[in-house]
Every structure is written in C-alpha cells, then in structure tokens.
Amino acid sequence: MDIFKVGVVGGGAMGSGLAALIARKGVPVMVKEILPELAEQARERIYGKFEGWNKKGRISDSQLNQFRAMVSVTYRWEDCKDVDLLIEAVSEKMDVKKKVFSDADKFLPPHVVFASNTSALS
C-alpha cells in the first residue's frame, strides 16, 4: 500500500513530533486536534521543531519552508478524509483512544489504516 498522506490525531508532544518527522520524510501530514486553538498550537509546536533543526544546521532554509508546506492542521474529521494512514497520539487512556478510532471510522474511507502510538494503556 502506498502512503500519500498521513493523519495524526493529537498535536501534543508525541503527535507533533511524529508529524514533524513524517513531513521531514516528504509526506504530507494532517494533524487533527479537538479545538481550533489546539490545532494552531500543534502547528506552532511542529514549526518550532523545524526551526530548531534549522538553527542547528540539520536542515536548510529551503527545507524549512518545504517541511512547513507539508503540514496542515484541523479540528474537523472531514479534513482528514484523504489520508491513507491515521496514527492516534492522544492520552494513554483506553476510552479516549477507542473514541478516536470510533469517530475516525465514521468519517474516513475503508482503505485507511489505523495505528496507535502508545507506551501504556489505562
């Protein structure tokens, strides 16, 4: 299966880190949050990672702009309809993770692969 676009649900530390690495590999990424202001905070967090890499000389100014262009953020499931892979990176609570997958299943096409980023569940 080819992955042309990745969705990341949750724009906190783990989600924004995943999104930054995905964009760095040249794959467009859509970060889904629950509120518009949280989506914008996720964008700022991701851009901050790019800027840190740029300041350390790990990426060029041109790459900085390319990576920024790879990142979109949203608070609406409808904006995620064209992803091929969806990675949830929400809190380590089983009920929250189940809700993410239940909601995603309602809005995303059947071909989308769901994945979970977790270290422990409670």
PDB file of N, CA and C in Angstrom:
ATOM      1  N   MET A   1       0.841  -1.184   0.000  1.00  0.00           N
ATOM      2  CA  MET A   1       0.000   0.000   0.000  1.00  0.00           C
ATOM      3  C   MET A   1       0.884   1.243   0.000  1.00  0.00           C
ATOM      4  N   ASP A   2       0.560   2.178  -0.857  1.00  0.00           N
ATOM      5  CA  ASP A   2       1.280   3.445  -0.893  1.00  0.00           C
ATOM      6  C   ASP A   2       0.654   4.422   0.091  1.00  0.00           C
ATOM      7  N   ILE A   3       1.505   5.151   0.783  1.00  0.00           N
ATOM      8  CA  ILE A   3       1.049   6.165   1.733  1.00  0.00           C
ATOM      9  C   ILE A   3       1.356   7.529   1.127  1.00  0.00           C
ATOM     10  N   PHE A   4       0.309   8.254   0.753  1.00  0.00           N
ATOM     11  CA  PHE A   4       0.472   9.566   0.147  1.00  0.00           C
ATOM     12  C   PHE A   4       0.235  10.702   1.133  1.00  0.00           C
ATOM     13  N   LYS A   5      -0.517  10.413   2.194  1.00  0.00           N
ATOM     14  CA  LYS A   5      -0.785  11.424   3.213  1.00  0.00           C
ATOM     15  C   LYS A   5      -1.075  10.706   4.528  1.00  0.00           C
ATOM     16  N   VAL A   6      -0.536  11.271   5.609  1.00  0.00           N
ATOM     17  CA  VAL A   6      -0.713  10.676   6.934  1.00  0.00           C
ATOM     18  C   VAL A   6      -1.510  11.631   7.813  1.00  0.00           C
ATOM     19  N   GLY A   7      -2.410  11.090   8.588  1.00  0.00           N
ATOM     20  CA  GLY A   7      -3.123  11.860   9.600  1.00  0.00           C
ATOM     21  C   GLY A   7      -2.577  11.505  10.971  1.00  0.00           C
ATOM     22  N   VAL A   8      -2.419  12.511  11.802  1.00  0.00           N
ATOM     23  CA  VAL A   8      -2.001  12.300  13.187  1.00  0.00           C
ATOM     24  C   VAL A   8      -3.062  12.930  14.073  1.00  0.00           C
ATOM     25  N   VAL A   9      -3.674  12.142  14.931  1.00  0.00           N
ATOM     26  CA  VAL A   9      -4.682  12.656  15.851  1.00  0.00           C
ATOM     27  C   VAL A   9      -3.994  12.936  17.178  1.00  0.00           C
ATOM     28  N   GLY A  10      -3.995  14.202  17.563  1.00  0.00           N
ATOM     29  CA  GLY A  10      -3.325  14.645  18.776  1.00  0.00           C
ATOM     30  C   GLY A  10      -2.062  15.403  18.415  1.00  0.00           C
ATOM     31  N   GLY A  11      -2.029  16.662  18.776  1.00  0.00           N
ATOM     32  CA  GLY A  11      -0.894  17.512  18.420  1.00  0.00           C
ATOM     33  C   GLY A  11      -0.012  17.872  19.591  1.00  0.00           C
ATOM     34  N   GLY A  12      -0.034  17.048  20.637  1.00  0.00           N
ATOM     35  CA  GLY A  12       0.833  17.291  21.789  1.00  0.00           C
ATOM     36  C   GLY A  12       2.271  16.921  21.466  1.00  0.00           C
ATOM     37  N   ALA A  13       3.036  16.612  22.491  1.00  0.00           N
ATOM     38  CA  ALA A  13       4.461  16.326  22.306  1.00  0.00           C
ATOM     39  C   ALA A  13       4.691  15.169  21.334  1.00  0.00           C
ATOM     40  N   MET A  14       4.028  14.052  21.548  1.00  0.00           N
ATOM     41  CA  MET A  14       4.234  12.887  20.680  1.00  0.00           C
ATOM     42  C   MET A  14       3.677  13.124  19.282  1.00  0.00           C
ATOM     43  N   GLY A  15       2.452  13.616  19.202  1.00  0.00           N
ATOM     44  CA  GLY A  15       1.832  13.833  17.898  1.00  0.00           C
ATOM     45  C   GLY A  15       2.576  14.841  17.050  1.00  0.00           C
ATOM     46  N   SER A  16       3.003  15.936  17.658  1.00  0.00           N
ATOM     47  CA  SER A  16       3.731  16.947  16.883  1.00  0.00           C
ATOM     48  C   SER A  16       5.099  16.421  16.462  1.00  0.00           C
ATOM     49  N   GLY A  17       5.725  15.622  17.313  1.00  0.00           N
ATOM     50  CA  GLY A  17       7.000  15.014  16.937  1.00  0.00           C
ATOM     51  C   GLY A  17       6.848  14.057  15.767  1.00  0.00           C
ATOM     52  N   LEU A  18       5.811  13.233  15.813  1.00  0.00           N
ATOM     53  CA  LEU A  18       5.537  12.328  14.695  1.00  0.00           C
ATOM     54  C   LEU A  18       5.271  13.110  13.417  1.00  0.00           C
ATOM     55  N   ALA A  19       4.439  14.142  13.514  1.00  0.00           N
ATOM     56  CA  ALA A  19       4.099  14.943  12.339  1.00  0.00           C
ATOM     57  C   ALA A  19       5.340  15.584  11.731  1.00  0.00           C
ATOM     58  N   ALA A  20       6.219  16.107  12.572  1.00  0.00           N
ATOM     59  CA  ALA A  20       7.446  16.739  12.077  1.00  0.00           C
ATOM     60  C   ALA A  20       8.315  15.721  11.341  1.00  0.00           C
ATOM     61  N   LEU A  21       8.462  14.537  11.894  1.00  0.00           N
ATOM     62  CA  LEU A  21       9.285  13.507  11.251  1.00  0.00           C
ATOM     63  C   LEU A  21       8.665  13.020   9.946  1.00  0.00           C
ATOM     64  N   ILE A  22       7.354  12.902   9.909  1.00  0.00           N
ATOM     65  CA  ILE A  22       6.660  12.483   8.686  1.00  0.00           C
ATOM     66  C   ILE A  22       6.872  13.530   7.597  1.00  0.00           C
ATOM     67  N   ALA A  23       6.689  14.802   7.936  1.00  0.00           N
ATOM     68  CA  ALA A  23       6.905  15.877   6.961  1.00  0.00           C
ATOM     69  C   ALA A  23       8.352  15.896   6.491  1.00  0.00           C
ATOM     70  N   ARG A  24       9.266  15.654   7.391  1.00  0.00           N
ATOM     71  CA  ARG A  24      10.695  15.648   7.036  1.00  0.00           C
ATOM     72  C   ARG A  24      11.007  14.551   6.014  1.00  0.00           C
ATOM     73  N   LYS A  25      10.223  13.493   6.016  1.00  0.00           N
ATOM     74  CA  LYS A  25      10.389  12.423   5.032  1.00  0.00           C
ATOM     75  C   LYS A  25       9.686  12.738   3.709  1.00  0.00           C
ATOM     76  N   GLY A  26       9.067  13.920   3.623  1.00  0.00           N
ATOM     77  CA  GLY A  26       8.443  14.334   2.371  1.00  0.00           C
ATOM     78  C   GLY A  26       7.014  13.879   2.186  1.00  0.00           C
ATOM     79  N   VAL A  27       6.367  13.465   3.263  1.00  0.00           N
ATOM     80  CA  VAL A  27       4.981  13.002   3.189  1.00  0.00           C
ATOM     81  C   VAL A  27       4.076  14.054   3.821  1.00  0.00           C
ATOM     82  N   PRO A  28       3.064  14.514   3.091  1.00  0.00           N
ATOM     83  CA  PRO A  28       2.126  15.472   3.686  1.00  0.00           C
ATOM     84  C   PRO A  28       1.447  14.870   4.910  1.00  0.00           C
ATOM     85  N   VAL A  29       1.219  15.717   5.899  1.00  0.00           N
ATOM     86  CA  VAL A  29       0.628  15.252   7.152  1.00  0.00           C
ATOM     87  C   VAL A  29      -0.461  16.217   7.605  1.00  0.00           C
ATOM     88  N   MET A  30      -1.576  15.654   8.054  1.00  0.00           N
ATOM     89  CA  MET A  30      -2.690  16.422   8.603  1.00  0.00           C
ATOM     90  C   MET A  30      -2.774  16.099  10.086  1.00  0.00           C
ATOM     91  N   VAL A  31      -2.652  17.115  10.930  1.00  0.00           N
ATOM     92  CA  VAL A  31      -2.739  16.923  12.375  1.00  0.00           C
ATOM     93  C   VAL A  31      -4.138  17.325  12.823  1.00  0.00           C
ATOM     94  N   LYS A  32      -4.828  16.409  13.481  1.00  0.00           N
ATOM     95  CA  LYS A  32      -6.202  16.636  13.935  1.00  0.00           C
ATOM     96  C   LYS A  32      -6.213  16.850  15.440  1.00  0.00           C
ATOM     97  N   GLU A  33      -6.789  17.958  15.837  1.00  0.00           N
ATOM     98  CA  GLU A  33      -6.990  18.274  17.256  1.00  0.00           C
ATOM     99  C   GLU A  33      -8.477  18.437  17.499  1.00  0.00           C
ATOM    100  N   ILE A  34      -8.871  18.695  18.750  1.00  0.00           N
ATOM    101  CA  ILE A  34     -10.299  18.781  19.066  1.00  0.00           C
ATOM    102  C   ILE A  34     -10.842  20.203  19.024  1.00  0.00           C
ATOM    103  N   LEU A  35      -9.971  21.191  19.052  1.00  0.00           N
ATOM    104  CA  LEU A  35     -10.384  22.597  19.019  1.00  0.00           C
ATOM    105  C   LEU A  35      -9.480  23.375  18.070  1.00  0.00           C
ATOM    106  N   PRO A  36     -10.001  24.426  17.426  1.00  0.00           N
ATOM    107  CA  PRO A  36      -9.170  25.217  16.513  1.00  0.00           C
ATOM    108  C   PRO A  36      -7.904  25.758  17.176  1.00  0.00           C
ATOM    109  N   GLU A  37      -8.025  26.235  18.409  1.00  0.00           N
ATOM    110  CA  GLU A  37      -6.843  26.808  19.065  1.00  0.00           C
ATOM    111  C   GLU A  37      -5.793  25.737  19.378  1.00  0.00           C
ATOM    112  N   LEU A  38      -6.237  24.523  19.667  1.00  0.00           N
ATOM    113  CA  LEU A  38      -5.283  23.433  19.887  1.00  0.00           C
ATOM    114  C   LEU A  38      -4.603  23.027  18.582  1.00  0.00           C
ATOM    115  N   ALA A  39      -5.355  23.095  17.490  1.00  0.00           N
ATOM    116  CA  ALA A  39      -4.757  22.804  16.182  1.00  0.00           C
ATOM    117  C   ALA A  39      -3.661  23.816  15.867  1.00  0.00           C
ATOM    118  N   GLU A  40      -3.914  25.080  16.139  1.00  0.00           N
ATOM    119  CA  GLU A  40      -2.893  26.107  15.884  1.00  0.00           C
ATOM    120  C   GLU A  40      -1.690  25.940  16.806  1.00  0.00           C
ATOM    121  N   GLN A  41      -1.931  25.541  18.039  1.00  0.00           N
ATOM    122  CA  GLN A  41      -0.809  25.271  18.951  1.00  0.00           C
ATOM    123  C   GLN A  41       0.038  24.110  18.433  1.00  0.00           C
ATOM    124  N   ALA A  42      -0.622  23.112  17.863  1.00  0.00           N
ATOM    125  CA  ALA A  42       0.109  21.976  17.285  1.00  0.00           C
ATOM    126  C   ALA A  42       0.974  22.449  16.120  1.00  0.00           C
ATOM    127  N   ARG A  43       0.416  23.316  15.257  1.00  0.00           N
ATOM    128  CA  ARG A  43       1.187  23.850  14.133  1.00  0.00           C
ATOM    129  C   ARG A  43       2.429  24.584  14.652  1.00  0.00           C
ATOM    130  N   GLU A  44       2.247  25.419  15.653  1.00  0.00           N
ATOM    131  CA  GLU A  44       3.376  26.172  16.221  1.00  0.00           C
ATOM    132  C   GLU A  44       4.427  25.229  16.807  1.00  0.00           C
ATOM    133  N   ARG A  45       3.983  24.175  17.459  1.00  0.00           N
ATOM    134  CA  ARG A  45       4.900  23.196  18.050  1.00  0.00           C
ATOM    135  C   ARG A  45       5.711  22.498  16.949  1.00  0.00           C
ATOM    136  N   ILE A  46       5.041  22.114  15.877  1.00  0.00           N
ATOM    137  CA  ILE A  46       5.715  21.441  14.762  1.00  0.00           C
ATOM    138  C   ILE A  46       6.687  22.396  14.076  1.00  0.00           C
ATOM    139  N   TYR A  47       6.231  23.608  13.786  1.00  0.00           N
ATOM    140  CA  TYR A  47       7.117  24.599  13.159  1.00  0.00           C
ATOM    141  C   TYR A  47       8.323  24.876  14.055  1.00  0.00           C
ATOM    142  N   GLY A  48       8.111  24.868  15.366  1.00  0.00           N
ATOM    143  CA  GLY A  48       9.213  25.071  16.304  1.00  0.00           C
ATOM    144  C   GLY A  48      10.269  23.979  16.174  1.00  0.00           C
ATOM    145  N   LYS A  49       9.825  22.746  15.938  1.00  0.00           N
ATOM    146  CA  LYS A  49      10.777  21.648  15.725  1.00  0.00           C
ATOM    147  C   LYS A  49      11.597  21.896  14.464  1.00  0.00           C
ATOM    148  N   PHE A  50      10.916  22.308  13.393  1.00  0.00           N
ATOM    149  CA  PHE A  50      11.623  22.606  12.144  1.00  0.00           C
ATOM    150  C   PHE A  50      12.640  23.728  12.350  1.00  0.00           C
ATOM    151  N   GLU A  51      12.218  24.771  13.047  1.00  0.00           N
ATOM    152  CA  GLU A  51      13.110  25.914  13.285  1.00  0.00           C
ATOM    153  C   GLU A  51      14.317  25.508  14.124  1.00  0.00           C
ATOM    154  N   GLY A  52      14.105  24.626  15.092  1.00  0.00           N
ATOM    155  CA  GLY A  52      15.218  24.117  15.888  1.00  0.00           C
ATOM    156  C   GLY A  52      16.213  23.347  15.030  1.00  0.00           C
ATOM    157  N   TRP A  53      15.698  22.508  14.141  1.00  0.00           N
ATOM    158  CA  TRP A  53      16.581  21.765  13.235  1.00  0.00           C
ATOM    159  C   TRP A  53      17.359  22.724  12.344  1.00  0.00           C
ATOM    160  N   ASN A  54      16.670  23.776  11.886  1.00  0.00           N
ATOM    161  CA  ASN A  54      17.305  24.756  11.008  1.00  0.00           C
ATOM    162  C   ASN A  54      18.418  25.503  11.739  1.00  0.00           C
ATOM    163  N   LYS A  55      18.159  25.928  12.950  1.00  0.00           N
ATOM    164  CA  LYS A  55      19.169  26.658  13.734  1.00  0.00           C
ATOM    165  C   LYS A  55      20.388  25.795  14.035  1.00  0.00           C
ATOM    166  N   LYS A  56      20.171  24.491  14.160  1.00  0.00           N
ATOM    167  CA  LYS A  56      21.283  23.576  14.436  1.00  0.00           C
ATOM    168  C   LYS A  56      22.001  23.135  13.158  1.00  0.00           C
ATOM    169  N   GLY A  57      21.526  23.627  12.005  1.00  0.00           N
ATOM    170  CA  GLY A  57      22.156  23.279  10.734  1.00  0.00           C
ATOM    171  C   GLY A  57      21.766  21.919  10.192  1.00  0.00           C
ATOM    172  N   ARG A  58      20.742  21.319  10.751  1.00  0.00           N
ATOM    173  CA  ARG A  58      20.312  19.990  10.296  1.00  0.00           C
ATOM    174  C   ARG A  58      19.480  20.058   9.019  1.00  0.00           C
ATOM    175  N   ILE A  59      18.799  21.197   8.817  1.00  0.00           N
ATOM    176  CA  ILE A  59      18.041  21.406   7.580  1.00  0.00           C
ATOM    177  C   ILE A  59      18.320  22.819   7.082  1.00  0.00           C
ATOM    178  N   SER A  60      18.197  22.994   5.771  1.00  0.00           N
ATOM    179  CA  SER A  60      18.433  24.300   5.150  1.00  0.00           C
ATOM    180  C   SER A  60      17.180  25.174   5.256  1.00  0.00           C
ATOM    181  N   ASP A  61      17.330  26.447   4.905  1.00  0.00           N
ATOM    182  CA  ASP A  61      16.171  27.350   4.876  1.00  0.00           C
ATOM    183  C   ASP A  61      15.134  26.846   3.874  1.00  0.00           C
ATOM    184  N   SER A  62      15.608  26.330   2.750  1.00  0.00           N
ATOM    185  CA  SER A  62      14.705  25.798   1.736  1.00  0.00           C
ATOM    186  C   SER A  62      13.920  24.605   2.282  1.00  0.00           C
ATOM    187  N   GLN A  63      14.607  23.713   2.974  1.00  0.00           N
ATOM    188  CA  GLN A  63      13.927  22.561   3.571  1.00  0.00           C
ATOM    189  C   GLN A  63      12.940  23.002   4.641  1.00  0.00           C
ATOM    190  N   LEU A  64      13.305  24.012   5.407  1.00  0.00           N
ATOM    191  CA  LEU A  64      12.407  24.545   6.433  1.00  0.00           C
ATOM    192  C   LEU A  64      11.069  24.915   5.807  1.00  0.00           C
ATOM    193  N   ASN A  65      11.116  25.626   4.695  1.00  0.00           N
ATOM    194  CA  ASN A  65       9.887  26.035   4.011  1.00  0.00           C
ATOM    195  C   ASN A  65       9.154  24.849   3.397  1.00  0.00           C
ATOM    196  N   GLN A  66       9.906  23.897   2.847  1.00  0.00           N
ATOM    197  CA  GLN A  66       9.278  22.698   2.274  1.00  0.00           C
ATOM    198  C   GLN A  66       8.538  21.905   3.346  1.00  0.00           C
ATOM    199  N   PHE A  67       9.167  21.741   4.495  1.00  0.00           N
ATOM    200  CA  PHE A  67       8.549  20.961   5.563  1.00  0.00           C
ATOM    201  C   PHE A  67       7.306  21.662   6.109  1.00  0.00           C
ATOM    202  N   ARG A  68       7.385  22.975   6.252  1.00  0.00           N
ATOM    203  CA  ARG A  68       6.198  23.721   6.704  1.00  0.00           C
ATOM    204  C   ARG A  68       5.029  23.491   5.758  1.00  0.00           C
ATOM    205  N   ALA A  69       5.322  23.479   4.457  1.00  0.00           N
ATOM    206  CA  ALA A  69       4.262  23.302   3.456  1.00  0.00           C
ATOM    207  C   ALA A  69       3.642  21.907   3.512  1.00  0.00           C
ATOM    208  N   MET A  70       4.327  20.957   4.104  1.00  0.00           N
ATOM    209  CA  MET A  70       3.824  19.581   4.211  1.00  0.00           C
ATOM    210  C   MET A  70       2.812  19.413   5.339  1.00  0.00           C
ATOM    211  N   VAL A  71       2.720  20.390   6.232  1.00  0.00           N
ATOM    212  CA  VAL A  71       1.906  20.252   7.447  1.00  0.00           C
ATOM    213  C   VAL A  71       0.600  21.036   7.342  1.00  0.00           C
ATOM    214  N   SER A  72      -0.497  20.356   7.608  1.00  0.00           N
ATOM    215  CA  SER A  72      -1.803  21.001   7.748  1.00  0.00           C
ATOM    216  C   SER A  72      -2.345  20.632   9.123  1.00  0.00           C
ATOM    217  N   VAL A  73      -3.173  21.500   9.669  1.00  0.00           N
ATOM    218  CA  VAL A  73      -3.810  21.208  10.955  1.00  0.00           C
ATOM    219  C   VAL A  73      -5.308  21.452  10.840  1.00  0.00           C
ATOM    220  N   THR A  74      -6.062  20.754  11.660  1.00  0.00           N
ATOM    221  CA  THR A  74      -7.513  20.887  11.640  1.00  0.00           C
ATOM    222  C   THR A  74      -8.095  20.456  12.977  1.00  0.00           C
ATOM    223  N   TYR A  75      -9.345  20.770  13.162  1.00  0.00           N
ATOM    224  CA  TYR A  75     -10.095  20.248  14.305  1.00  0.00           C
ATOM    225  C   TYR A  75     -11.301  19.447  13.805  1.00  0.00           C
ATOM    226  N   ARG A  76     -11.417  19.285  12.488  1.00  0.00           N
ATOM    227  CA  ARG A  76     -12.578  18.607  11.893  1.00  0.00           C
ATOM    228  C   ARG A  76     -12.167  17.287  11.237  1.00  0.00           C
ATOM    229  N   TRP A  77     -12.902  16.246  11.498  1.00  0.00           N
ATOM    230  CA  TRP A  77     -12.632  14.953  10.874  1.00  0.00           C
ATOM    231  C   TRP A  77     -12.746  15.024   9.360  1.00  0.00           C
ATOM    232  N   GLU A  78     -13.659  15.829   8.864  1.00  0.00           N
ATOM    233  CA  GLU A  78     -13.885  15.925   7.425  1.00  0.00           C
ATOM    234  C   GLU A  78     -12.610  16.293   6.670  1.00  0.00           C
ATOM    235  N   ASP A  79     -11.724  17.035   7.313  1.00  0.00           N
ATOM    236  CA  ASP A  79     -10.485  17.458   6.666  1.00  0.00           C
ATOM    237  C   ASP A  79      -9.459  16.333   6.571  1.00  0.00           C
ATOM    238  N   CYS A  80      -9.746  15.213   7.186  1.00  0.00           N
ATOM    239  CA  CYS A  80      -8.812  14.074   7.194  1.00  0.00           C
ATOM    240  C   CYS A  80      -9.196  13.002   6.181  1.00  0.00           C
ATOM    241  N   LYS A  81     -10.205  13.247   5.386  1.00  0.00           N
ATOM    242  CA  LYS A  81     -10.765  12.198   4.536  1.00  0.00           C
ATOM    243  C   LYS A  81      -9.811  11.658   3.475  1.00  0.00           C
ATOM    244  N   ASP A  82      -8.729  12.388   3.168  1.00  0.00           N
ATOM    245  CA  ASP A  82      -7.820  11.915   2.123  1.00  0.00           C
ATOM    246  C   ASP A  82      -6.522  11.317   2.666  1.00  0.00           C
ATOM    247  N   VAL A  83      -6.489  10.974   3.952  1.00  0.00           N
ATOM    248  CA  VAL A  83      -5.289  10.328   4.497  1.00  0.00           C
ATOM    249  C   VAL A  83      -5.322   8.830   4.172  1.00  0.00           C
ATOM    250  N   ASP A  84      -4.139   8.237   4.107  1.00  0.00           N
ATOM    251  CA  ASP A  84      -4.028   6.801   3.863  1.00  0.00           C
ATOM    252  C   ASP A  84      -3.689   6.038   5.137  1.00  0.00           C
ATOM    253  N   LEU A  85      -3.078   6.747   6.070  1.00  0.00           N
ATOM    254  CA  LEU A  85      -2.684   6.173   7.354  1.00  0.00           C
ATOM    255  C   LEU A  85      -3.073   7.163   8.438  1.00  0.00           C
ATOM    256  N   LEU A  86      -3.707   6.685   9.492  1.00  0.00           N
ATOM    257  CA  LEU A  86      -4.084   7.531  10.617  1.00  0.00           C
ATOM    258  C   LEU A  86      -3.400   7.002  11.873  1.00  0.00           C
ATOM    259  N   ILE A  87      -2.602   7.862  12.500  1.00  0.00           N
ATOM    260  CA  ILE A  87      -1.903   7.496  13.734  1.00  0.00           C
ATOM    261  C   ILE A  87      -2.515   8.285  14.878  1.00  0.00           C
ATOM    262  N   GLU A  88      -3.027   7.598  15.879  1.00  0.00           N
ATOM    263  CA  GLU A  88      -3.531   8.333  17.036  1.00  0.00           C
ATOM    264  C   GLU A  88      -2.385   8.511  18.021  1.00  0.00           C
ATOM    265  N   ALA A  89      -2.306   9.729  18.549  1.00  0.00           N
ATOM    266  CA  ALA A  89      -1.275  10.068  19.540  1.00  0.00           C
ATOM    267  C   ALA A  89      -1.925  10.896  20.643  1.00  0.00           C
ATOM    268  N   VAL A  90      -2.998  10.340  21.196  1.00  0.00           N
ATOM    269  CA  VAL A  90      -3.746  11.026  22.252  1.00  0.00           C
ATOM    270  C   VAL A  90      -3.319  10.467  23.606  1.00  0.00           C
ATOM    271  N   SER A  91      -3.975  10.907  24.669  1.00  0.00           N
ATOM    272  CA  SER A  91      -3.599  10.467  26.018  1.00  0.00           C
ATOM    273  C   SER A  91      -3.695   8.948  26.149  1.00  0.00           C
ATOM    274  N   GLU A  92      -2.963   8.423  27.094  1.00  0.00           N
ATOM    275  CA  GLU A  92      -2.844   6.976  27.286  1.00  0.00           C
ATOM    276  C   GLU A  92      -4.045   6.402  28.038  1.00  0.00           C
ATOM    277  N   LYS A  93      -5.221   6.742  27.598  1.00  0.00           N
ATOM    278  CA  LYS A  93      -6.452   6.248  28.217  1.00  0.00           C
ATOM    279  C   LYS A  93      -7.242   5.486  27.165  1.00  0.00           C
ATOM    280  N   MET A  94      -7.563   4.256  27.481  1.00  0.00           N
ATOM    281  CA  MET A  94      -8.228   3.387  26.522  1.00  0.00           C
ATOM    282  C   MET A  94      -9.524   3.982  25.989  1.00  0.00           C
ATOM    283  N   ASP A  95     -10.337   4.600  26.844  1.00  0.00           N
ATOM    284  CA  ASP A  95     -11.607   5.154  26.381  1.00  0.00           C
ATOM    285  C   ASP A  95     -11.390   6.293  25.388  1.00  0.00           C
ATOM    286  N   VAL A  96     -10.352   7.093  25.574  1.00  0.00           N
ATOM    287  CA  VAL A  96     -10.052   8.191  24.644  1.00  0.00           C
ATOM    288  C   VAL A  96      -9.609   7.615  23.304  1.00  0.00           C
ATOM    289  N   LYS A  97      -8.741   6.630  23.337  1.00  0.00           N
ATOM    290  CA  LYS A  97      -8.254   6.004  22.108  1.00  0.00           C
ATOM    291  C   LYS A  97      -9.399   5.326  21.351  1.00  0.00           C
ATOM    292  N   LYS A  98     -10.273   4.629  22.065  1.00  0.00           N
ATOM    293  CA  LYS A  98     -11.422   3.988  21.426  1.00  0.00           C
ATOM    294  C   LYS A  98     -12.318   5.018  20.750  1.00  0.00           C
ATOM    295  N   LYS A  99     -12.521   6.155  21.407  1.00  0.00           N
ATOM    296  CA  LYS A  99     -13.355   7.208  20.817  1.00  0.00           C
ATOM    297  C   LYS A  99     -12.722   7.744  19.541  1.00  0.00           C
ATOM    298  N   VAL A 100     -11.416   7.933  19.545  1.00  0.00           N
ATOM    299  CA  VAL A 100     -10.728   8.404  18.336  1.00  0.00           C
ATOM    300  C   VAL A 100     -10.998   7.449  17.180  1.00  0.00           C
ATOM    301  N   PHE A 101     -10.804   6.158  17.403  1.00  0.00           N
ATOM    302  CA  PHE A 101     -10.993   5.195  16.327  1.00  0.00           C
ATOM    303  C   PHE A 101     -12.457   5.067  15.922  1.00  0.00           C
ATOM    304  N   SER A 102     -13.357   5.173  16.871  1.00  0.00           N
ATOM    305  CA  SER A 102     -14.785   5.139  16.559  1.00  0.00           C
ATOM    306  C   SER A 102     -15.175   6.336  15.692  1.00  0.00           C
ATOM    307  N   ASP A 103     -14.719   7.521  16.081  1.00  0.00           N
ATOM    308  CA  ASP A 103     -15.017   8.727  15.297  1.00  0.00           C
ATOM    309  C   ASP A 103     -14.370   8.654  13.920  1.00  0.00           C
ATOM    310  N   ALA A 104     -13.123   8.218  13.880  1.00  0.00           N
ATOM    311  CA  ALA A 104     -12.412   8.124  12.601  1.00  0.00           C
ATOM    312  C   ALA A 104     -13.134   7.169  11.662  1.00  0.00           C
ATOM    313  N   ASP A 105     -13.619   6.078  12.198  1.00  0.00           N
ATOM    314  CA  ASP A 105     -14.308   5.076  11.391  1.00  0.00           C
ATOM    315  C   ASP A 105     -15.562   5.639  10.730  1.00  0.00           C
ATOM    316  N   LYS A 106     -16.174   6.629  11.348  1.00  0.00           N
ATOM    317  CA  LYS A 106     -17.382   7.251  10.795  1.00  0.00           C
ATOM    318  C   LYS A 106     -17.070   8.169   9.618  1.00  0.00           C
ATOM    319  N   PHE A 107     -15.882   8.762   9.603  1.00  0.00           N
ATOM    320  CA  PHE A 107     -15.572   9.792   8.619  1.00  0.00           C
ATOM    321  C   PHE A 107     -14.580   9.374   7.539  1.00  0.00           C
ATOM    322  N   LEU A 108     -13.759   8.381   7.818  1.00  0.00           N
ATOM    323  CA  LEU A 108     -12.685   8.047   6.892  1.00  0.00           C
ATOM    324  C   LEU A 108     -13.057   6.866   6.008  1.00  0.00           C
ATOM    325  N   PRO A 109     -12.523   6.843   4.784  1.00  0.00           N
ATOM    326  CA  PRO A 109     -12.827   5.736   3.879  1.00  0.00           C
ATOM    327  C   PRO A 109     -12.266   4.404   4.389  1.00  0.00           C
ATOM    328  N   PRO A 110     -12.794   3.299   3.887  1.00  0.00           N
ATOM    329  CA  PRO A 110     -12.410   1.983   4.395  1.00  0.00           C
ATOM    330  C   PRO A 110     -10.939   1.609   4.184  1.00  0.00           C
ATOM    331  N   HIS A 111     -10.269   2.218   3.217  1.00  0.00           N
ATOM    332  CA  HIS A 111      -8.873   1.835   2.938  1.00  0.00           C
ATOM    333  C   HIS A 111      -7.875   2.382   3.964  1.00  0.00           C
ATOM    334  N   VAL A 112      -8.304   3.318   4.805  1.00  0.00           N
ATOM    335  CA  VAL A 112      -7.379   3.962   5.744  1.00  0.00           C
ATOM    336  C   VAL A 112      -6.924   2.968   6.812  1.00  0.00           C
ATOM    337  N   VAL A 113      -5.620   2.909   7.020  1.00  0.00           N
ATOM    338  CA  VAL A 113      -5.032   2.058   8.051  1.00  0.00           C
ATOM    339  C   VAL A 113      -4.954   2.862   9.339  1.00  0.00           C
ATOM    340  N   PHE A 114      -5.439   2.290  10.432  1.00  0.00           N
ATOM    341  CA  PHE A 114      -5.387   2.943  11.743  1.00  0.00           C
ATOM    342  C   PHE A 114      -4.208   2.382  12.535  1.00  0.00           C
ATOM    343  N   ALA A 115      -3.488   3.276  13.211  1.00  0.00           N
ATOM    344  CA  ALA A 115      -2.368   2.861  14.058  1.00  0.00           C
ATOM    345  C   ALA A 115      -2.429   3.638  15.366  1.00  0.00           C
ATOM    346  N   SER A 116      -1.855   3.047  16.405  1.00  0.00           N
ATOM    347  CA  SER A 116      -1.848   3.682  17.716  1.00  0.00           C
ATOM    348  C   SER A 116      -0.419   3.898  18.183  1.00  0.00           C
ATOM    349  N   ASN A 117      -0.158   5.078  18.713  1.00  0.00           N
ATOM    350  CA  ASN A 117       1.131   5.401  19.314  1.00  0.00           C
ATOM    351  C   ASN A 117       0.919   5.373  20.823  1.00  0.00           C
ATOM    352  N   THR A 118       1.418   4.340  21.458  1.00  0.00           N
ATOM    353  CA  THR A 118       1.172   4.216  22.891  1.00  0.00           C
ATOM    354  C   THR A 118       2.324   3.500  23.587  1.00  0.00           C
ATOM    355  N   SER A 119       2.515   3.835  24.833  1.00  0.00           N
ATOM    356  CA  SER A 119       3.508   3.129  25.641  1.00  0.00           C
ATOM    357  C   SER A 119       2.829   2.322  26.741  1.00  0.00           C
ATOM    358  N   ALA A 120       1.647   2.755  27.137  1.00  0.00           N
ATOM    359  CA  ALA A 120       0.879   2.062  28.169  1.00  0.00           C
ATOM    360  C   ALA A 120      -0.571   2.490  28.053  1.00  0.00           C
ATOM    361  N   LEU A 121      -1.458   1.638  28.497  1.00  0.00           N
ATOM    362  CA  LEU A 121      -2.882   1.958  28.470  1.00  0.00           C
ATOM    363  C   LEU A 121      -3.458   1.857  29.869  1.00  0.00           C
ATOM    364  N   SER A 122      -4.400   2.759  30.155  1.00  0.00           N
ATOM    365  CA  SER A 122      -5.070   2.678  31.452  1.00  0.00           C
ATOM    366  C   SER A 122      -6.563   2.798  31.265  1.00  0.00           C
TER     367      SER A 122
END
